[in-house]
Amino acid sequence: RRGVVLGVDLVVLLIVVVAGRIFPMFTRNATGVASIR
């Protein structure tokens, strides 16, 4: 139980890290809205 809970946390943590790096860039490139950051 604890291992799975921790595993979910870690995958979500990875999402949080990666999202901040690339989601604004993807969105800005796709929409052309310069204020996205």
PDB file of all heavy atoms in Angstrom:
ATOM      1  N   ARG A   1       0.836  -1.206   0.000  1.00  0.00           N
ATOM      2  CA  ARG A   1       0.000   0.000   0.000  1.00  0.00           C
ATOM      3  C   ARG A   1       0.865   1.248   0.000  1.00  0.00           C
ATOM      4  O   ARG A   1       0.676   2.149  -0.812  1.00  0.00           O
ATOM      5  CB  ARG A   1      -0.916   0.002   1.222  1.00  0.00           C
ATOM      6  CG  ARG A   1      -1.908   1.169   1.242  1.00  0.00           C
ATOM      7  CD  ARG A   1      -2.592   1.306   2.583  1.00  0.00           C
ATOM      8  NE  ARG A   1      -1.646   1.622   3.640  1.00  0.00           N
ATOM      9  CZ  ARG A   1      -1.207   2.861   3.885  1.00  0.00           C
ATOM     10  NH1 ARG A   1      -1.588   3.872   3.127  1.00  0.00           N
ATOM     11  NH2 ARG A   1      -0.347   3.077   4.872  1.00  0.00           N
ATOM     12  N   ARG A   2       1.821   1.307   0.911  1.00  0.00           N
ATOM     13  CA  ARG A   2       2.656   2.508   1.017  1.00  0.00           C
ATOM     14  C   ARG A   2       3.518   2.702  -0.220  1.00  0.00           C
ATOM     15  O   ARG A   2       3.746   3.833  -0.655  1.00  0.00           O
ATOM     16  CB  ARG A   2       3.523   2.418   2.267  1.00  0.00           C
ATOM     17  CG  ARG A   2       2.734   2.546   3.565  1.00  0.00           C
ATOM     18  CD  ARG A   2       3.621   2.411   4.787  1.00  0.00           C
ATOM     19  NE  ARG A   2       4.662   3.435   4.806  1.00  0.00           N
ATOM     20  CZ  ARG A   2       5.641   3.472   5.710  1.00  0.00           C
ATOM     21  NH1 ARG A   2       5.717   2.525   6.635  1.00  0.00           N
ATOM     22  NH2 ARG A   2       6.545   4.430   5.688  1.00  0.00           N
ATOM     23  N   GLY A   3       3.999   1.591  -0.790  1.00  0.00           N
ATOM     24  CA  GLY A   3       4.812   1.714  -1.991  1.00  0.00           C
ATOM     25  C   GLY A   3       4.045   2.282  -3.158  1.00  0.00           C
ATOM     26  O   GLY A   3       4.552   3.120  -3.912  1.00  0.00           O
ATOM     27  N   VAL A   4       2.784   1.858  -3.322  1.00  0.00           N
ATOM     28  CA  VAL A   4       1.967   2.386  -4.414  1.00  0.00           C
ATOM     29  C   VAL A   4       1.635   3.852  -4.179  1.00  0.00           C
ATOM     30  O   VAL A   4       1.685   4.668  -5.107  1.00  0.00           O
ATOM     31  CB  VAL A   4       0.692   1.540  -4.584  1.00  0.00           C
ATOM     32  CG1 VAL A   4      -0.296   2.235  -5.515  1.00  0.00           C
ATOM     33  CG2 VAL A   4       1.045   0.158  -5.132  1.00  0.00           C
ATOM     34  N   VAL A   5       1.281   4.209  -2.946  1.00  0.00           N
ATOM     35  CA  VAL A   5       1.001   5.619  -2.634  1.00  0.00           C
ATOM     36  C   VAL A   5       2.216   6.479  -2.958  1.00  0.00           C
ATOM     37  O   VAL A   5       2.105   7.541  -3.596  1.00  0.00           O
ATOM     38  CB  VAL A   5       0.602   5.779  -1.151  1.00  0.00           C
ATOM     39  CG1 VAL A   5       0.578   7.265  -0.749  1.00  0.00           C
ATOM     40  CG2 VAL A   5      -0.764   5.159  -0.891  1.00  0.00           C
ATOM     41  N   LEU A   6       3.386   6.031  -2.536  1.00  0.00           N
ATOM     42  CA  LEU A   6       4.610   6.772  -2.823  1.00  0.00           C
ATOM     43  C   LEU A   6       4.884   6.813  -4.327  1.00  0.00           C
ATOM     44  O   LEU A   6       5.324   7.839  -4.859  1.00  0.00           O
ATOM     45  CB  LEU A   6       5.783   6.131  -2.088  1.00  0.00           C
ATOM     46  CG  LEU A   6       7.147   6.816  -2.220  1.00  0.00           C
ATOM     47  CD1 LEU A   6       7.078   8.263  -1.775  1.00  0.00           C
ATOM     48  CD2 LEU A   6       8.197   6.047  -1.408  1.00  0.00           C
ATOM     49  N   GLY A   7       4.609   5.707  -5.017  1.00  0.00           N
ATOM     50  CA  GLY A   7       4.794   5.689  -6.462  1.00  0.00           C
ATOM     51  C   GLY A   7       3.922   6.702  -7.162  1.00  0.00           C
ATOM     52  O   GLY A   7       4.377   7.417  -8.071  1.00  0.00           O
ATOM     53  N   VAL A   8       2.664   6.805  -6.757  1.00  0.00           N
ATOM     54  CA  VAL A   8       1.767   7.818  -7.336  1.00  0.00           C
ATOM     55  C   VAL A   8       2.317   9.210  -7.066  1.00  0.00           C
ATOM     56  O   VAL A   8       2.366  10.067  -7.959  1.00  0.00           O
ATOM     57  CB  VAL A   8       0.338   7.668  -6.772  1.00  0.00           C
ATOM     58  CG1 VAL A   8      -0.541   8.848  -7.212  1.00  0.00           C
ATOM     59  CG2 VAL A   8      -0.287   6.355  -7.234  1.00  0.00           C
ATOM     60  N   ASP A   9       2.740   9.468  -5.820  1.00  0.00           N
ATOM     61  CA  ASP A   9       3.318  10.774  -5.487  1.00  0.00           C
ATOM     62  C   ASP A   9       4.483  11.114  -6.406  1.00  0.00           C
ATOM     63  O   ASP A   9       4.611  12.253  -6.884  1.00  0.00           O
ATOM     64  CB  ASP A   9       3.831  10.768  -4.041  1.00  0.00           C
ATOM     65  CG  ASP A   9       2.730  10.768  -3.005  1.00  0.00           C
ATOM     66  OD1 ASP A   9       1.566  11.038  -3.355  1.00  0.00           O
ATOM     67  OD2 ASP A   9       3.042  10.489  -1.826  1.00  0.00           O
ATOM     68  N   LEU A  10       5.351  10.148  -6.638  1.00  0.00           N
ATOM     69  CA  LEU A  10       6.557  10.402  -7.430  1.00  0.00           C
ATOM     70  C   LEU A  10       6.232  10.671  -8.894  1.00  0.00           C
ATOM     71  O   LEU A  10       6.850  11.539  -9.524  1.00  0.00           O
ATOM     72  CB  LEU A  10       7.517   9.219  -7.299  1.00  0.00           C
ATOM     73  CG  LEU A  10       8.202   9.109  -5.939  1.00  0.00           C
ATOM     74  CD1 LEU A  10       8.784   7.718  -5.732  1.00  0.00           C
ATOM     75  CD2 LEU A  10       9.300  10.167  -5.804  1.00  0.00           C
ATOM     76  N   VAL A  11       5.266   9.940  -9.443  1.00  0.00           N
ATOM     77  CA  VAL A  11       4.869  10.205 -10.827  1.00  0.00           C
ATOM     78  C   VAL A  11       4.229  11.590 -10.927  1.00  0.00           C
ATOM     79  O   VAL A  11       4.502  12.352 -11.876  1.00  0.00           O
ATOM     80  CB  VAL A  11       3.920   9.117 -11.353  1.00  0.00           C
ATOM     81  CG1 VAL A  11       3.488   9.442 -12.782  1.00  0.00           C
ATOM     82  CG2 VAL A  11       4.598   7.742 -11.318  1.00  0.00           C
ATOM     83  N   VAL A  12       3.403  11.952  -9.947  1.00  0.00           N
ATOM     84  CA  VAL A  12       2.807  13.286  -9.939  1.00  0.00           C
ATOM     85  C   VAL A  12       3.896  14.353  -9.777  1.00  0.00           C
ATOM     86  O   VAL A  12       3.858  15.401 -10.434  1.00  0.00           O
ATOM     87  CB  VAL A  12       1.742  13.405  -8.830  1.00  0.00           C
ATOM     88  CG1 VAL A  12       1.261  14.850  -8.691  1.00  0.00           C
ATOM     89  CG2 VAL A  12       0.564  12.482  -9.130  1.00  0.00           C
ATOM     90  N   LEU A  13       4.873  14.093  -8.916  1.00  0.00           N
ATOM     91  CA  LEU A  13       5.992  15.034  -8.776  1.00  0.00           C
ATOM     92  C   LEU A  13       6.708  15.235 -10.096  1.00  0.00           C
ATOM     93  O   LEU A  13       7.058  16.368 -10.470  1.00  0.00           O
ATOM     94  CB  LEU A  13       6.966  14.513  -7.712  1.00  0.00           C
ATOM     95  CG  LEU A  13       8.267  15.309  -7.521  1.00  0.00           C
ATOM     96  CD1 LEU A  13       7.980  16.743  -7.108  1.00  0.00           C
ATOM     97  CD2 LEU A  13       9.160  14.614  -6.490  1.00  0.00           C
ATOM     98  N   LEU A  14       6.927  14.158 -10.831  1.00  0.00           N
ATOM     99  CA  LEU A  14       7.568  14.275 -12.139  1.00  0.00           C
ATOM    100  C   LEU A  14       6.718  15.104 -13.083  1.00  0.00           C
ATOM    101  O   LEU A  14       7.234  15.935 -13.848  1.00  0.00           O
ATOM    102  CB  LEU A  14       7.818  12.874 -12.717  1.00  0.00           C
ATOM    103  CG  LEU A  14       8.649  12.803 -13.989  1.00  0.00           C
ATOM    104  CD1 LEU A  14      10.029  13.394 -13.788  1.00  0.00           C
ATOM    105  CD2 LEU A  14       8.763  11.360 -14.468  1.00  0.00           C
ATOM    106  N   ILE A  15       5.403  14.916 -13.052  1.00  0.00           N
ATOM    107  CA  ILE A  15       4.500  15.723 -13.871  1.00  0.00           C
ATOM    108  C   ILE A  15       4.627  17.197 -13.497  1.00  0.00           C
ATOM    109  O   ILE A  15       4.690  18.077 -14.378  1.00  0.00           O
ATOM    110  CB  ILE A  15       3.045  15.242 -13.716  1.00  0.00           C
ATOM    111  CG1 ILE A  15       2.851  13.905 -14.429  1.00  0.00           C
ATOM    112  CG2 ILE A  15       2.058  16.282 -14.256  1.00  0.00           C
ATOM    113  CD1 ILE A  15       1.491  13.274 -14.187  1.00  0.00           C
ATOM    114  N   VAL A  16       4.675  17.483 -12.198  1.00  0.00           N
ATOM    115  CA  VAL A  16       4.790  18.871 -11.741  1.00  0.00           C
ATOM    116  C   VAL A  16       6.094  19.489 -12.244  1.00  0.00           C
ATOM    117  O   VAL A  16       6.121  20.639 -12.703  1.00  0.00           O
ATOM    118  CB  VAL A  16       4.684  18.944 -10.207  1.00  0.00           C
ATOM    119  CG1 VAL A  16       5.024  20.335  -9.687  1.00  0.00           C
ATOM    120  CG2 VAL A  16       3.279  18.551  -9.749  1.00  0.00           C
ATOM    121  N   VAL A  17       7.192  18.748 -12.177  1.00  0.00           N
ATOM    122  CA  VAL A  17       8.481  19.248 -12.656  1.00  0.00           C
ATOM    123  C   VAL A  17       8.442  19.501 -14.163  1.00  0.00           C
ATOM    124  O   VAL A  17       8.785  20.591 -14.648  1.00  0.00           O
ATOM    125  CB  VAL A  17       9.613  18.256 -12.314  1.00  0.00           C
ATOM    126  CG1 VAL A  17      10.921  18.668 -13.002  1.00  0.00           C
ATOM    127  CG2 VAL A  17       9.811  18.176 -10.804  1.00  0.00           C
ATOM    128  N   VAL A  18       8.019  18.503 -14.915  1.00  0.00           N
ATOM    129  CA  VAL A  18       8.045  18.600 -16.385  1.00  0.00           C
ATOM    130  C   VAL A  18       7.047  19.639 -16.884  1.00  0.00           C
ATOM    131  O   VAL A  18       7.334  20.406 -17.809  1.00  0.00           O
ATOM    132  CB  VAL A  18       7.764  17.217 -17.012  1.00  0.00           C
ATOM    133  CG1 VAL A  18       7.571  17.336 -18.519  1.00  0.00           C
ATOM    134  CG2 VAL A  18       8.901  16.250 -16.692  1.00  0.00           C
ATOM    135  N   ALA A  19       5.873  19.692 -16.264  1.00  0.00           N
ATOM    136  CA  ALA A  19       4.848  20.640 -16.714  1.00  0.00           C
ATOM    137  C   ALA A  19       5.347  22.074 -16.653  1.00  0.00           C
ATOM    138  O   ALA A  19       5.133  22.860 -17.579  1.00  0.00           O
ATOM    139  CB  ALA A  19       3.581  20.477 -15.872  1.00  0.00           C
ATOM    140  N   GLY A  20       6.003  22.435 -15.570  1.00  0.00           N
ATOM    141  CA  GLY A  20       6.499  23.800 -15.452  1.00  0.00           C
ATOM    142  C   GLY A  20       7.537  24.147 -16.501  1.00  0.00           C
ATOM    143  O   GLY A  20       7.650  25.301 -16.917  1.00  0.00           O
ATOM    144  N   ARG A  21       8.297  23.149 -16.939  1.00  0.00           N
ATOM    145  CA  ARG A  21       9.341  23.401 -17.936  1.00  0.00           C
ATOM    146  C   ARG A  21       8.792  23.542 -19.350  1.00  0.00           C
ATOM    147  O   ARG A  21       9.309  24.349 -20.137  1.00  0.00           O
ATOM    148  CB  ARG A  21      10.364  22.261 -17.909  1.00  0.00           C
ATOM    149  CG  ARG A  21      11.164  22.153 -16.634  1.00  0.00           C
ATOM    150  CD  ARG A  21      12.223  21.068 -16.781  1.00  0.00           C
ATOM    151  NE  ARG A  21      13.006  20.887 -15.571  1.00  0.00           N
ATOM    152  CZ  ARG A  21      14.050  20.068 -15.489  1.00  0.00           C
ATOM    153  NH1 ARG A  21      14.423  19.360 -16.549  1.00  0.00           N
ATOM    154  NH2 ARG A  21      14.718  19.952 -14.356  1.00  0.00           N
ATOM    155  N   ILE A  22       7.774  22.729 -19.684  1.00  0.00           N
ATOM    156  CA  ILE A  22       7.408  22.666 -21.103  1.00  0.00           C
ATOM    157  C   ILE A  22       5.973  23.059 -21.429  1.00  0.00           C
ATOM    158  O   ILE A  22       5.708  23.462 -22.564  1.00  0.00           O
ATOM    159  CB  ILE A  22       7.699  21.265 -21.675  1.00  0.00           C
ATOM    160  CG1 ILE A  22       6.848  20.198 -20.991  1.00  0.00           C
ATOM    161  CG2 ILE A  22       9.175  20.937 -21.570  1.00  0.00           C
ATOM    162  CD1 ILE A  22       7.050  18.805 -21.581  1.00  0.00           C
ATOM    163  N   PHE A  23       5.027  22.967 -20.507  1.00  0.00           N
ATOM    164  CA  PHE A  23       3.648  23.271 -20.868  1.00  0.00           C
ATOM    165  C   PHE A  23       3.468  24.731 -21.287  1.00  0.00           C
ATOM    166  O   PHE A  23       2.785  25.004 -22.284  1.00  0.00           O
ATOM    167  CB  PHE A  23       2.691  22.919 -19.729  1.00  0.00           C
ATOM    168  CG  PHE A  23       2.464  21.438 -19.536  1.00  0.00           C
ATOM    169  CD1 PHE A  23       3.249  20.495 -20.186  1.00  0.00           C
ATOM    170  CD2 PHE A  23       1.465  20.977 -18.694  1.00  0.00           C
ATOM    171  CE1 PHE A  23       3.056  19.134 -20.003  1.00  0.00           C
ATOM    172  CE2 PHE A  23       1.253  19.620 -18.504  1.00  0.00           C
ATOM    173  CZ  PHE A  23       2.062  18.697 -19.151  1.00  0.00           C
ATOM    174  N   PRO A  24       4.044  25.709 -20.567  1.00  0.00           N
ATOM    175  CA  PRO A  24       3.914  27.091 -21.052  1.00  0.00           C
ATOM    176  C   PRO A  24       4.538  27.284 -22.431  1.00  0.00           C
ATOM    177  O   PRO A  24       3.982  27.999 -23.278  1.00  0.00           O
ATOM    178  CB  PRO A  24       4.640  27.908 -19.980  1.00  0.00           C
ATOM    179  CG  PRO A  24       4.629  27.051 -18.761  1.00  0.00           C
ATOM    180  CD  PRO A  24       4.734  25.644 -19.271  1.00  0.00           C
ATOM    181  N   MET A  25       5.688  26.651 -22.672  1.00  0.00           N
ATOM    182  CA  MET A  25       6.344  26.772 -23.976  1.00  0.00           C
ATOM    183  C   MET A  25       5.478  26.170 -25.072  1.00  0.00           C
ATOM    184  O   MET A  25       5.280  26.777 -26.136  1.00  0.00           O
ATOM    185  CB  MET A  25       7.702  26.072 -23.941  1.00  0.00           C
ATOM    186  CG  MET A  25       8.453  26.075 -25.270  1.00  0.00           C
ATOM    187  SD  MET A  25       9.986  25.138 -25.202  1.00  0.00           S
ATOM    188  CE  MET A  25       9.375  23.456 -24.954  1.00  0.00           C
ATOM    189  N   PHE A  26       4.954  24.959 -24.847  1.00  0.00           N
ATOM    190  CA  PHE A  26       4.070  24.339 -25.831  1.00  0.00           C
ATOM    191  C   PHE A  26       2.874  25.229 -26.127  1.00  0.00           C
ATOM    192  O   PHE A  26       2.468  25.391 -27.287  1.00  0.00           O
ATOM    193  CB  PHE A  26       3.575  22.983 -25.313  1.00  0.00           C
ATOM    194  CG  PHE A  26       4.607  21.884 -25.321  1.00  0.00           C
ATOM    195  CD1 PHE A  26       4.334  20.673 -24.686  1.00  0.00           C
ATOM    196  CD2 PHE A  26       5.826  22.037 -25.954  1.00  0.00           C
ATOM    197  CE1 PHE A  26       5.259  19.641 -24.684  1.00  0.00           C
ATOM    198  CE2 PHE A  26       6.769  21.008 -25.954  1.00  0.00           C
ATOM    199  CZ  PHE A  26       6.479  19.819 -25.316  1.00  0.00           C
ATOM    200  N   THR A  27       2.299  25.800 -25.077  1.00  0.00           N
ATOM    201  CA  THR A  27       1.099  26.610 -25.241  1.00  0.00           C
ATOM    202  C   THR A  27       1.413  27.905 -25.986  1.00  0.00           C
ATOM    203  O   THR A  27       0.664  28.330 -26.877  1.00  0.00           O
ATOM    204  CB  THR A  27       0.481  26.934 -23.864  1.00  0.00           C
ATOM    205  OG1 THR A  27       0.298  25.714 -23.138  1.00  0.00           O
ATOM    206  CG2 THR A  27      -0.858  27.619 -24.017  1.00  0.00           C
ATOM    207  N   ARG A  28       2.497  28.541 -25.632  1.00  0.00           N
ATOM    208  CA  ARG A  28       2.905  29.781 -26.310  1.00  0.00           C
ATOM    209  C   ARG A  28       3.203  29.513 -27.779  1.00  0.00           C
ATOM    210  O   ARG A  28       2.793  30.284 -28.668  1.00  0.00           O
ATOM    211  CB  ARG A  28       4.133  30.371 -25.610  1.00  0.00           C
ATOM    212  CG  ARG A  28       4.528  31.761 -26.093  1.00  0.00           C
ATOM    213  CD  ARG A  28       5.590  32.384 -25.192  1.00  0.00           C
ATOM    214  NE  ARG A  28       6.757  31.516 -25.043  1.00  0.00           N
ATOM    215  CZ  ARG A  28       7.091  30.900 -23.924  1.00  0.00           C
ATOM    216  NH1 ARG A  28       6.335  31.020 -22.844  1.00  0.00           N
ATOM    217  NH2 ARG A  28       8.177  30.147 -23.865  1.00  0.00           N
ATOM    218  N   ASN A  29       3.900  28.428 -28.078  1.00  0.00           N
ATOM    219  CA  ASN A  29       4.213  28.102 -29.472  1.00  0.00           C
ATOM    220  C   ASN A  29       2.953  27.797 -30.276  1.00  0.00           C
ATOM    221  O   ASN A  29       2.859  28.148 -31.460  1.00  0.00           O
ATOM    222  CB  ASN A  29       5.163  26.901 -29.534  1.00  0.00           C
ATOM    223  CG  ASN A  29       6.538  27.221 -29.008  1.00  0.00           C
ATOM    224  OD1 ASN A  29       6.901  28.395 -28.836  1.00  0.00           O
ATOM    225  ND2 ASN A  29       7.331  26.202 -28.727  1.00  0.00           N
ATOM    226  N   ALA A  30       1.994  27.122 -29.654  1.00  0.00           N
ATOM    227  CA  ALA A  30       0.776  26.726 -30.366  1.00  0.00           C
ATOM    228  C   ALA A  30      -0.186  27.886 -30.573  1.00  0.00           C
ATOM    229  O   ALA A  30      -0.887  27.944 -31.586  1.00  0.00           O
ATOM    230  CB  ALA A  30       0.066  25.607 -29.606  1.00  0.00           C
ATOM    231  N   THR A  31      -0.224  28.810 -29.613  1.00  0.00           N
ATOM    232  CA  THR A  31      -1.224  29.891 -29.670  1.00  0.00           C
ATOM    233  C   THR A  31      -0.667  31.223 -30.149  1.00  0.00           C
ATOM    234  O   THR A  31      -1.428  32.082 -30.603  1.00  0.00           O
ATOM    235  CB  THR A  31      -1.843  30.110 -28.276  1.00  0.00           C
ATOM    236  OG1 THR A  31      -0.816  30.552 -27.364  1.00  0.00           O
ATOM    237  CG2 THR A  31      -2.476  28.830 -27.755  1.00  0.00           C
ATOM    238  N   GLY A  32       0.635  31.399 -30.028  1.00  0.00           N
ATOM    239  CA  GLY A  32       1.230  32.677 -30.391  1.00  0.00           C
ATOM    240  C   GLY A  32       0.985  33.781 -29.381  1.00  0.00           C
ATOM    241  O   GLY A  32       1.270  34.953 -29.659  1.00  0.00           O
ATOM    242  N   VAL A  33       0.477  33.434 -28.206  1.00  0.00           N
ATOM    243  CA  VAL A  33       0.199  34.435 -27.166  1.00  0.00           C
ATOM    244  C   VAL A  33       1.482  34.668 -26.364  1.00  0.00           C
ATOM    245  O   VAL A  33       1.922  33.805 -25.608  1.00  0.00           O
ATOM    246  CB  VAL A  33      -0.945  33.973 -26.237  1.00  0.00           C
ATOM    247  CG1 VAL A  33      -1.183  35.000 -25.130  1.00  0.00           C
ATOM    248  CG2 VAL A  33      -2.213  33.738 -27.042  1.00  0.00           C
ATOM    249  N   ALA A  34       2.071  35.837 -26.537  1.00  0.00           N
ATOM    250  CA  ALA A  34       3.392  36.104 -25.960  1.00  0.00           C
ATOM    251  C   ALA A  34       3.370  36.221 -24.444  1.00  0.00           C
ATOM    252  O   ALA A  34       4.405  36.039 -23.789  1.00  0.00           O
ATOM    253  CB  ALA A  34       3.959  37.392 -26.562  1.00  0.00           C
ATOM    254  N   SER A  35       2.227  36.500 -23.860  1.00  0.00           N
ATOM    255  CA  SER A  35       2.158  36.707 -22.411  1.00  0.00           C
ATOM    256  C   SER A  35       2.191  35.397 -21.620  1.00  0.00           C
ATOM    257  O   SER A  35       2.350  35.408 -20.397  1.00  0.00           O
ATOM    258  CB  SER A  35       0.885  37.476 -22.040  1.00  0.00           C
ATOM    259  OG  SER A  35      -0.262  36.744 -22.434  1.00  0.00           O
ATOM    260  N   ILE A  36       2.040  34.268 -22.298  1.00  0.00           N
ATOM    261  CA  ILE A  36       2.091  32.968 -21.611  1.00  0.00           C
ATOM    262  C   ILE A  36       3.515  32.718 -21.144  1.00  0.00           C
ATOM    263  O   ILE A  36       4.472  32.862 -21.900  1.00  0.00           O
ATOM    264  CB  ILE A  36       1.616  31.849 -22.559  1.00  0.00           C
ATOM    265  CG1 ILE A  36       0.126  32.024 -22.890  1.00  0.00           C
ATOM    266  CG2 ILE A  36       1.870  30.477 -21.939  1.00  0.00           C
ATOM    267  CD1 ILE A  36      -0.366  31.119 -23.989  1.00  0.00           C
ATOM    268  N   ARG A  37       3.631  32.327 -19.881  1.00  0.00           N
ATOM    269  CA  ARG A  37       4.978  32.175 -19.319  1.00  0.00           C
ATOM    270  C   ARG A  37       4.949  31.261 -18.102  1.00  0.00           C
ATOM    271  O   ARG A  37       3.917  30.971 -17.548  1.00  0.00           O
ATOM    272  CB  ARG A  37       5.539  33.540 -18.897  1.00  0.00           C
ATOM    273  CG  ARG A  37       4.804  34.157 -17.717  1.00  0.00           C
ATOM    274  CD  ARG A  37       5.218  35.610 -17.480  1.00  0.00           C
ATOM    275  NE  ARG A  37       4.703  36.135 -16.221  1.00  0.00           N
ATOM    276  CZ  ARG A  37       3.477  36.561 -16.028  1.00  0.00           C
ATOM    277  NH1 ARG A  37       2.585  36.502 -17.006  1.00  0.00           N
ATOM    278  NH2 ARG A  37       3.107  37.042 -14.850  1.00  0.00           N
TER     279      ARG A  37
END
